[in-house]
Protein backbone atom coordinates (compact mmCIF):
# COMPACT_ATOMS: atom_id res chain seq x y z
CA MET A 1 221.69 162.86 15.61
CA GLU A 2 225.04 163.91 17.07
CA ARG A 3 227.27 161.57 19.07
CA THR A 4 227.83 162.83 22.59
CA ILE A 5 229.66 162.02 25.82
CA THR A 6 228.52 163.86 28.93
CA GLN A 7 229.39 163.59 32.61
CA LYS A 8 227.62 164.69 35.77
CA ARG A 9 227.79 164.25 39.51
CA PHE A 10 225.71 161.22 40.49
CA GLY A 11 225.86 161.56 44.29
CA GLN A 12 228.31 160.58 47.02
CA VAL A 13 229.48 157.37 48.67
CA ASN A 14 231.41 157.68 51.93
CA GLY A 15 232.12 161.33 51.20
CA GLN A 16 233.48 160.64 47.71
CA ASP A 17 231.80 162.09 44.64
CA VAL A 18 230.50 159.58 42.11
CA VAL A 19 230.46 160.52 38.43
CA GLN A 20 227.99 159.26 35.84
CA THR A 21 229.11 159.16 32.20
CA ALA A 22 226.49 159.01 29.44
CA MET A 23 227.23 158.17 25.80
CA GLN A 24 224.86 158.53 22.84
CA ASN A 25 225.40 157.30 19.29
CA CYS A 26 224.07 158.79 16.06
CA SER A 27 220.98 156.57 16.20
CA GLY A 28 220.03 157.89 19.62
CA MET A 29 220.95 154.80 21.63
CA ARG A 30 222.15 155.79 25.10
CA PHE A 31 224.49 154.02 27.48
CA ALA A 32 225.33 155.35 30.94
CA SER A 33 227.56 154.10 33.75
CA CYS A 34 229.04 155.43 36.96
CA THR A 35 232.27 155.25 38.92
CA TYR A 36 230.67 153.38 41.82
CA GLY A 37 231.21 149.74 40.92
CA ALA A 38 231.79 150.61 37.25
CA THR A 39 228.02 150.18 37.25
CA ILE A 40 225.76 150.30 34.19
CA THR A 41 223.03 152.84 34.99
CA GLU A 42 221.13 153.02 31.70
CA ILE A 43 220.86 151.28 28.34
CA ALA A 44 218.22 152.96 26.18
CA VAL A 45 217.37 151.42 22.79
CA PRO A 46 214.49 151.69 20.28
CA ASN A 47 211.46 149.44 20.05
CA ARG A 48 209.91 148.50 16.70
CA ASP A 49 208.21 151.91 16.54
CA GLY A 50 211.47 153.76 17.16
CA LEU A 51 210.66 154.71 20.75
CA ILE A 52 213.89 154.79 22.76
CA GLU A 53 213.48 153.47 26.30
CA ASN A 54 215.64 152.14 29.12
CA VAL A 55 216.00 148.33 29.19
CA VAL A 56 217.79 147.79 32.54
CA CYS A 57 216.66 148.19 36.14
CA SER A 58 218.35 151.36 37.35
CA PHE A 59 218.21 154.25 39.78
CA GLY A 60 218.57 158.01 39.36
CA ARG A 61 221.22 158.49 42.05
CA VAL A 62 224.07 156.43 43.44
CA GLU A 63 222.75 156.35 46.99
CA ASN A 64 220.02 153.96 45.84
CA TYR A 65 222.62 151.51 44.53
CA VAL A 66 224.23 151.50 47.98
CA SER A 67 220.97 151.13 49.93
CA GLN A 68 219.65 148.34 47.68
CA PRO A 69 222.72 146.10 47.39
CA GLN A 70 221.45 143.59 44.84
CA PHE A 71 224.30 144.37 42.45
CA PHE A 72 222.07 146.28 40.00
CA GLY A 73 224.26 146.86 36.92
CA SER A 74 227.47 146.30 38.88
CA THR A 75 230.83 144.98 37.77
CA ILE A 76 231.27 141.75 39.73
CA GLY A 77 234.48 140.32 41.15
CA PRO A 78 236.96 139.14 42.19
CA PHE A 79 234.84 135.98 41.92
CA ALA A 80 231.37 136.05 40.38
CA GLY A 81 228.76 133.76 41.86
CA ARG A 82 228.88 131.84 45.11
CA LEU A 83 231.91 130.29 46.80
CA GLU A 84 231.13 127.59 49.33
CA ASN A 85 232.28 128.40 52.88
CA SER A 86 233.97 131.54 51.48
CA GLU A 87 236.93 129.36 50.55
CA LEU A 88 239.45 130.10 47.81
CA VAL A 89 241.55 127.18 46.63
CA ILE A 90 244.73 128.26 44.83
CA LYS A 91 247.30 125.65 43.80
CA GLY A 92 245.90 123.31 46.41
CA GLN A 93 246.13 125.88 49.18
CA SER A 94 242.98 126.95 50.99
CA LEU A 95 242.25 130.56 51.99
CA HIS A 96 239.11 131.81 53.70
CA VAL A 97 237.76 135.33 53.18
CA THR A 98 234.98 137.19 54.98
CA PRO A 99 231.56 135.78 54.00
CA ASN A 100 228.64 137.98 53.01
CA GLU A 101 225.85 135.41 52.57
CA GLY A 102 225.65 133.25 55.67
CA GLU A 103 228.83 131.15 55.67
CA HIS A 104 229.36 131.67 51.96
CA LEU A 105 230.72 134.31 49.60
CA LEU A 106 228.55 135.95 46.95
CA HIS A 107 229.96 138.03 44.08
CA GLY A 108 233.31 138.72 45.73
CA GLY A 109 231.98 139.74 49.14
CA SER A 110 230.77 143.01 50.64
CA ALA A 111 234.03 144.71 49.60
CA GLY A 112 233.93 143.37 46.03
CA PHE A 113 234.43 145.37 42.84
CA HIS A 114 230.79 146.54 42.98
CA ALA A 115 231.45 148.52 46.18
CA LYS A 116 234.54 150.42 45.01
CA ILE A 117 234.85 153.81 43.35
CA TRP A 118 236.73 153.47 40.07
CA GLU A 119 238.70 156.04 38.08
CA VAL A 120 237.13 157.03 34.77
CA GLN A 121 238.36 158.15 31.34
CA THR A 122 236.46 158.71 28.09
CA PHE A 123 237.54 158.31 24.47
CA GLU A 124 235.96 159.18 21.14
CA GLU A 125 237.01 157.13 18.11
CA GLU A 126 235.74 156.95 14.55
CA ASP A 127 233.44 153.99 15.10
CA ARG A 128 232.79 154.12 18.86
CA LEU A 129 232.57 156.04 22.10
CA THR A 130 234.30 154.49 25.11
CA THR A 131 234.12 154.89 28.87
CA LYS A 132 237.03 153.18 30.62
CA TYR A 133 237.19 152.45 34.35
CA SER A 134 240.32 151.48 36.29
CA LEU A 135 240.84 150.26 39.84
CA ILE A 136 243.69 149.04 42.03
CA TYR A 137 242.11 146.39 44.22
CA ASP A 138 243.81 145.10 47.37
CA GLU A 139 241.47 143.32 49.76
CA GLU A 140 241.51 139.81 51.25
CA TYR A 141 242.25 138.00 48.02
CA PRO A 142 245.90 137.20 47.25
CA GLY A 143 247.75 139.92 45.36
CA GLU A 144 247.10 143.46 44.26
CA LEU A 145 244.89 143.58 41.19
CA GLN A 146 245.20 146.24 38.51
CA LEU A 147 241.83 146.24 36.79
CA GLU A 148 240.21 147.85 33.78
CA VAL A 149 236.65 147.68 32.50
CA SER A 150 235.72 149.53 29.32
CA TYR A 151 232.31 150.09 27.75
CA SER A 152 232.29 150.95 24.04
CA LEU A 153 229.11 152.13 22.31
CA LEU A 154 229.10 151.36 18.58
CA GLU A 155 226.96 152.85 15.81
CA THR A 156 225.47 149.38 15.29
CA ASN A 157 223.62 149.68 18.63
CA GLU A 158 226.11 147.35 20.22
CA VAL A 159 227.93 147.67 23.54
CA VAL A 160 231.34 145.98 23.77
CA VAL A 161 232.60 145.33 27.30
CA ASN A 162 236.28 144.57 27.80
CA TYR A 163 237.57 143.29 31.14
CA SER A 164 241.28 143.21 32.00
CA GLY A 165 243.24 142.38 35.14
CA VAL A 166 246.80 141.69 36.30
CA SER A 167 247.67 140.41 39.79
CA SER A 168 250.89 140.74 41.78
CA GLU A 169 250.32 137.22 43.18
CA ASP A 170 248.66 134.00 42.10
CA THR A 171 244.94 134.49 42.62
CA LEU A 172 241.42 133.74 41.36
CA LEU A 173 239.59 136.11 39.03
CA ASN A 174 236.13 135.62 37.52
CA MET A 175 234.39 138.83 36.40
CA THR A 176 230.98 139.62 34.96
CA ASN A 177 228.28 142.29 34.90
CA HIS A 178 225.06 142.07 36.90
CA SER A 179 222.61 144.14 34.86
CA TYR A 180 218.93 143.26 35.15
CA PHE A 181 217.49 143.38 31.62
CA ASN A 182 213.87 144.17 30.81
CA LEU A 183 213.20 144.69 27.11
CA SER A 184 209.62 145.92 27.56
CA GLY A 185 211.07 149.42 27.94
CA ASP A 186 211.06 151.62 31.04
CA LEU A 187 210.02 148.60 33.14
CA LYS A 188 206.45 148.66 31.84
CA GLU A 189 206.01 144.92 32.37
CA THR A 190 207.72 142.03 34.12
CA ILE A 191 209.94 139.60 32.20
CA HIS A 192 207.37 136.78 32.09
CA ALA A 193 206.68 137.29 28.35
CA HIS A 194 210.37 137.49 27.41
CA THR A 195 211.80 134.63 25.36
CA LEU A 196 215.23 133.19 26.17
CA VAL A 197 217.29 131.10 23.75
CA MET A 198 220.71 129.57 24.41
CA ASN A 199 222.64 126.53 23.28
CA ALA A 200 223.08 124.95 26.69
CA THR A 201 222.16 121.29 27.04
CA ARG A 202 223.35 121.08 30.65
CA TYR A 203 222.75 123.12 33.76
CA ILE A 204 224.15 122.90 37.28
CA PRO A 205 221.64 122.25 40.06
CA ILE A 206 221.76 124.17 43.32
CA ASN A 207 221.10 123.34 46.96
CA LYS A 208 218.76 125.22 49.30
CA GLN A 209 221.50 127.80 49.97
CA GLY A 210 221.85 128.54 46.26
CA LEU A 211 225.26 126.88 45.98
CA PRO A 212 225.97 125.16 42.65
CA LEU A 213 226.47 121.43 43.09
CA GLY A 214 229.18 119.51 41.28
CA GLU A 215 227.63 117.51 38.47
CA PRO A 216 225.61 119.08 35.65
CA LEU A 217 222.21 117.73 34.60
CA ASP A 218 220.74 117.30 31.12
CA VAL A 219 218.08 119.91 30.32
CA THR A 220 216.14 117.59 27.99
CA GLY A 221 212.52 117.29 29.04
CA THR A 222 212.85 119.86 31.82
CA VAL A 223 211.89 123.51 32.29
CA PHE A 224 215.62 124.28 31.95
CA ASP A 225 215.67 123.52 28.21
CA PHE A 226 216.11 126.82 26.33
CA THR A 227 217.78 125.33 23.26
CA GLN A 228 214.75 126.05 21.06
CA GLY A 229 213.59 129.15 22.91
CA LYS A 230 211.06 129.40 25.71
CA ALA A 231 209.01 132.10 27.40
CA LEU A 232 210.21 132.79 30.92
CA SER A 233 206.61 132.40 32.08
CA GLU A 234 207.03 128.65 31.49
CA VAL A 235 209.75 128.58 34.15
CA ILE A 236 208.81 131.25 36.69
CA GLY A 237 206.57 129.64 39.28
CA ALA A 238 207.06 126.11 37.94
CA THR A 239 206.76 123.24 40.40
CA ASP A 240 210.19 121.81 39.53
CA GLU A 241 212.16 121.27 42.75
CA GLN A 242 215.11 123.29 41.46
CA VAL A 243 212.86 126.25 40.63
CA CYS A 244 211.36 126.08 44.12
CA LEU A 245 214.84 126.11 45.67
CA ALA A 246 215.55 129.34 43.75
CA ASN A 247 212.49 131.16 45.14
CA GLY A 248 210.24 130.45 42.19
CA GLY A 249 212.55 131.24 39.30
CA LEU A 250 216.03 130.65 37.95
CA ASP A 251 219.32 131.25 39.73
CA HIS A 252 221.33 128.56 37.96
CA PRO A 253 224.52 128.17 35.94
CA PHE A 254 224.10 126.84 32.41
CA LEU A 255 227.06 125.36 30.51
CA LEU A 256 227.30 127.06 27.12
CA GLU A 257 228.10 125.04 24.02
CA GLU A 258 227.92 128.14 21.86
CA GLY A 259 228.61 131.62 23.12
CA VAL A 260 225.43 133.34 21.95
CA ILE A 261 222.53 134.06 24.30
CA VAL A 262 219.34 135.61 22.91
CA LEU A 263 216.71 137.47 24.93
CA ALA A 264 213.67 138.88 23.15
CA ASP A 265 210.39 140.63 23.84
CA GLU A 266 207.83 140.18 21.08
CA LYS A 267 205.55 143.01 22.18
CA SER A 268 208.25 145.71 21.92
CA GLY A 269 210.20 143.94 19.15
CA ARG A 270 213.44 144.37 21.06
CA ARG A 271 216.03 141.64 20.93
CA LEU A 272 219.35 141.32 22.76
CA ASN A 273 222.15 139.07 21.52
CA ILE A 274 224.92 138.46 24.05
CA ILE A 275 228.15 137.11 22.58
CA THR A 276 230.70 135.61 24.96
CA GLN A 277 233.56 133.13 25.11
CA GLU A 278 232.86 132.20 28.71
CA PRO A 279 231.98 128.56 29.52
CA ALA A 280 228.87 129.37 31.54
CA VAL A 281 226.07 131.83 32.16
CA VAL A 282 224.19 132.22 35.42
CA VAL A 283 220.57 133.00 34.62
CA TYR A 284 218.84 134.87 37.46
CA THR A 285 215.23 135.92 36.94
CA GLY A 286 215.08 138.54 39.69
CA ASN A 287 213.37 136.22 42.16
CA LYS A 288 214.41 138.34 45.16
CA ILE A 289 214.16 141.90 43.84
CA GLY A 290 211.51 142.52 46.46
CA SER A 291 209.35 145.60 46.98
CA GLY A 292 209.13 148.76 49.05
CA TYR A 293 211.45 150.84 46.86
CA SER A 294 211.45 152.16 43.30
CA PHE A 295 213.63 152.26 40.23
CA LYS A 296 213.71 155.33 37.97
CA GLU A 297 210.67 154.21 36.01
CA ALA A 298 208.68 151.83 38.21
CA ALA A 299 208.16 150.35 41.65
CA ALA A 300 210.32 147.33 42.40
CA GLN A 301 208.84 143.85 42.25
CA ASN A 302 210.10 140.33 41.75
CA PHE A 303 210.77 139.24 38.15
CA LEU A 304 211.16 142.81 36.88
CA GLY A 305 214.54 142.00 35.33
CA ILE A 306 216.70 139.07 34.24
CA CYS A 307 220.46 138.82 34.79
CA LEU A 308 222.51 136.91 32.22
CA GLU A 309 225.85 136.66 34.01
CA GLU A 310 228.30 135.11 31.55
CA GLN A 311 231.31 133.89 33.52
CA ASN A 312 233.40 130.95 34.59
CA VAL A 313 231.53 128.27 36.52
CA PRO A 314 230.69 129.47 40.06
CA ASN A 315 232.27 127.50 42.90
CA SER A 316 234.56 125.95 40.27
CA SER A 317 237.58 125.59 42.56
CA LYS A 318 235.64 122.85 44.37
CA TYR A 319 235.24 120.89 41.15
CA PRO A 320 238.41 120.35 39.08
CA HIS A 321 236.47 119.09 36.04
CA TYR A 322 235.31 122.68 35.38
CA PRO A 323 237.56 125.37 33.82
CA SER A 324 239.81 127.04 36.36
CA ALA A 325 239.51 130.70 37.37
CA PHE A 326 243.18 130.66 38.42
CA LEU A 327 245.20 133.74 37.39
CA GLU A 328 248.95 133.40 37.57
CA LYS A 329 251.06 136.20 39.00
CA GLY A 330 251.83 138.73 36.25
CA ALA A 331 249.55 137.07 33.68
CA ARG A 332 246.72 139.08 32.12
CA TYR A 333 243.07 138.24 32.60
CA SER A 334 241.10 139.30 29.54
CA LYS A 335 237.54 138.80 28.37
CA THR A 336 235.12 140.52 26.01
CA THR A 337 231.33 140.53 26.07
CA ARG A 338 229.19 142.02 23.31
CA TYR A 339 225.62 143.17 23.84
CA LYS A 340 223.97 143.68 20.45
CA PHE A 341 220.49 145.21 20.39
CA GLU A 342 218.19 144.66 17.43
CA VAL A 343 214.57 145.22 16.47
CA ASN A 344 212.27 142.65 14.91
CA ARG A 345 209.68 144.38 12.71
CA GLY A 346 207.39 141.36 12.55
CA LYS A 347 207.04 138.18 14.55
CA LEU A 348 210.20 137.10 16.32
CA THR A 349 212.41 134.58 14.57
CA PHE A 350 215.67 133.09 15.81
CA ARG A 351 218.55 132.41 13.47
């Protein structure tokens, strides 16, 4: 099969054309993204029978991403997760920005990276195809940010995401991607039967507003223990108080002791390995996807996708014992995330 990069008009936002770029490797894996929010709009990979299907919640036109603002596939920033009282603390100085979730800030606010139209370039190299997005961001946060996000599709059915940013002033920067994964293929089933594995012995509890609280809790003996692997059905709908606070699922930061997260679906044989150097991952099981609209392949419903948002600890400026998201003027923010897709021919095993 021939490697290809194609582009097409994906709709308009505020009178500006949005472009979708699709890449395909020699194995037939497809990866698509668009200039609105540097958003991932398709990841299509084979199941154990070789059938190539989409494994993220996505829409066929950009207008749906605007009308259903749940950050589907979006690049998130300047600060991923929730910030209490919309407050940035930089070198001991407090700055308040416009909230977008009650009194608080979620995923950078309504004018975050997800709501901007980025510039796009494509590159073809010997071992990969790359779509690179760039943006000059100047909103309420201190400084002008020069940003780049690149998606590289490898012949090993791996997507490498590189994030880069430089600010003209001291600021905070904490980026991630908000794709909703569903390995059943074309959203045939919910994520209940998916298995999640990660080396995280501590998680951060939340309050009724979804804000992460300061001190982590041990996962041992709780529904939050994924160290040996667990079906999401064991967590979704559990009676644990923290699950109830998150609308019947997960919306919690986990502190990673090893930067590998594994998501698998035994029925399809698909397996996703996420490799990161970030200290935390927010696991969100799509508890508020809702209904009354449709994705490309299926009607929307709760628990149709899971977000694995590897990042710095949300609300970390409130708690100095967590790693800082501080970015010094002129310094470069840089992070890499690898999404490696595999197929298990028999029963799932975890190495």
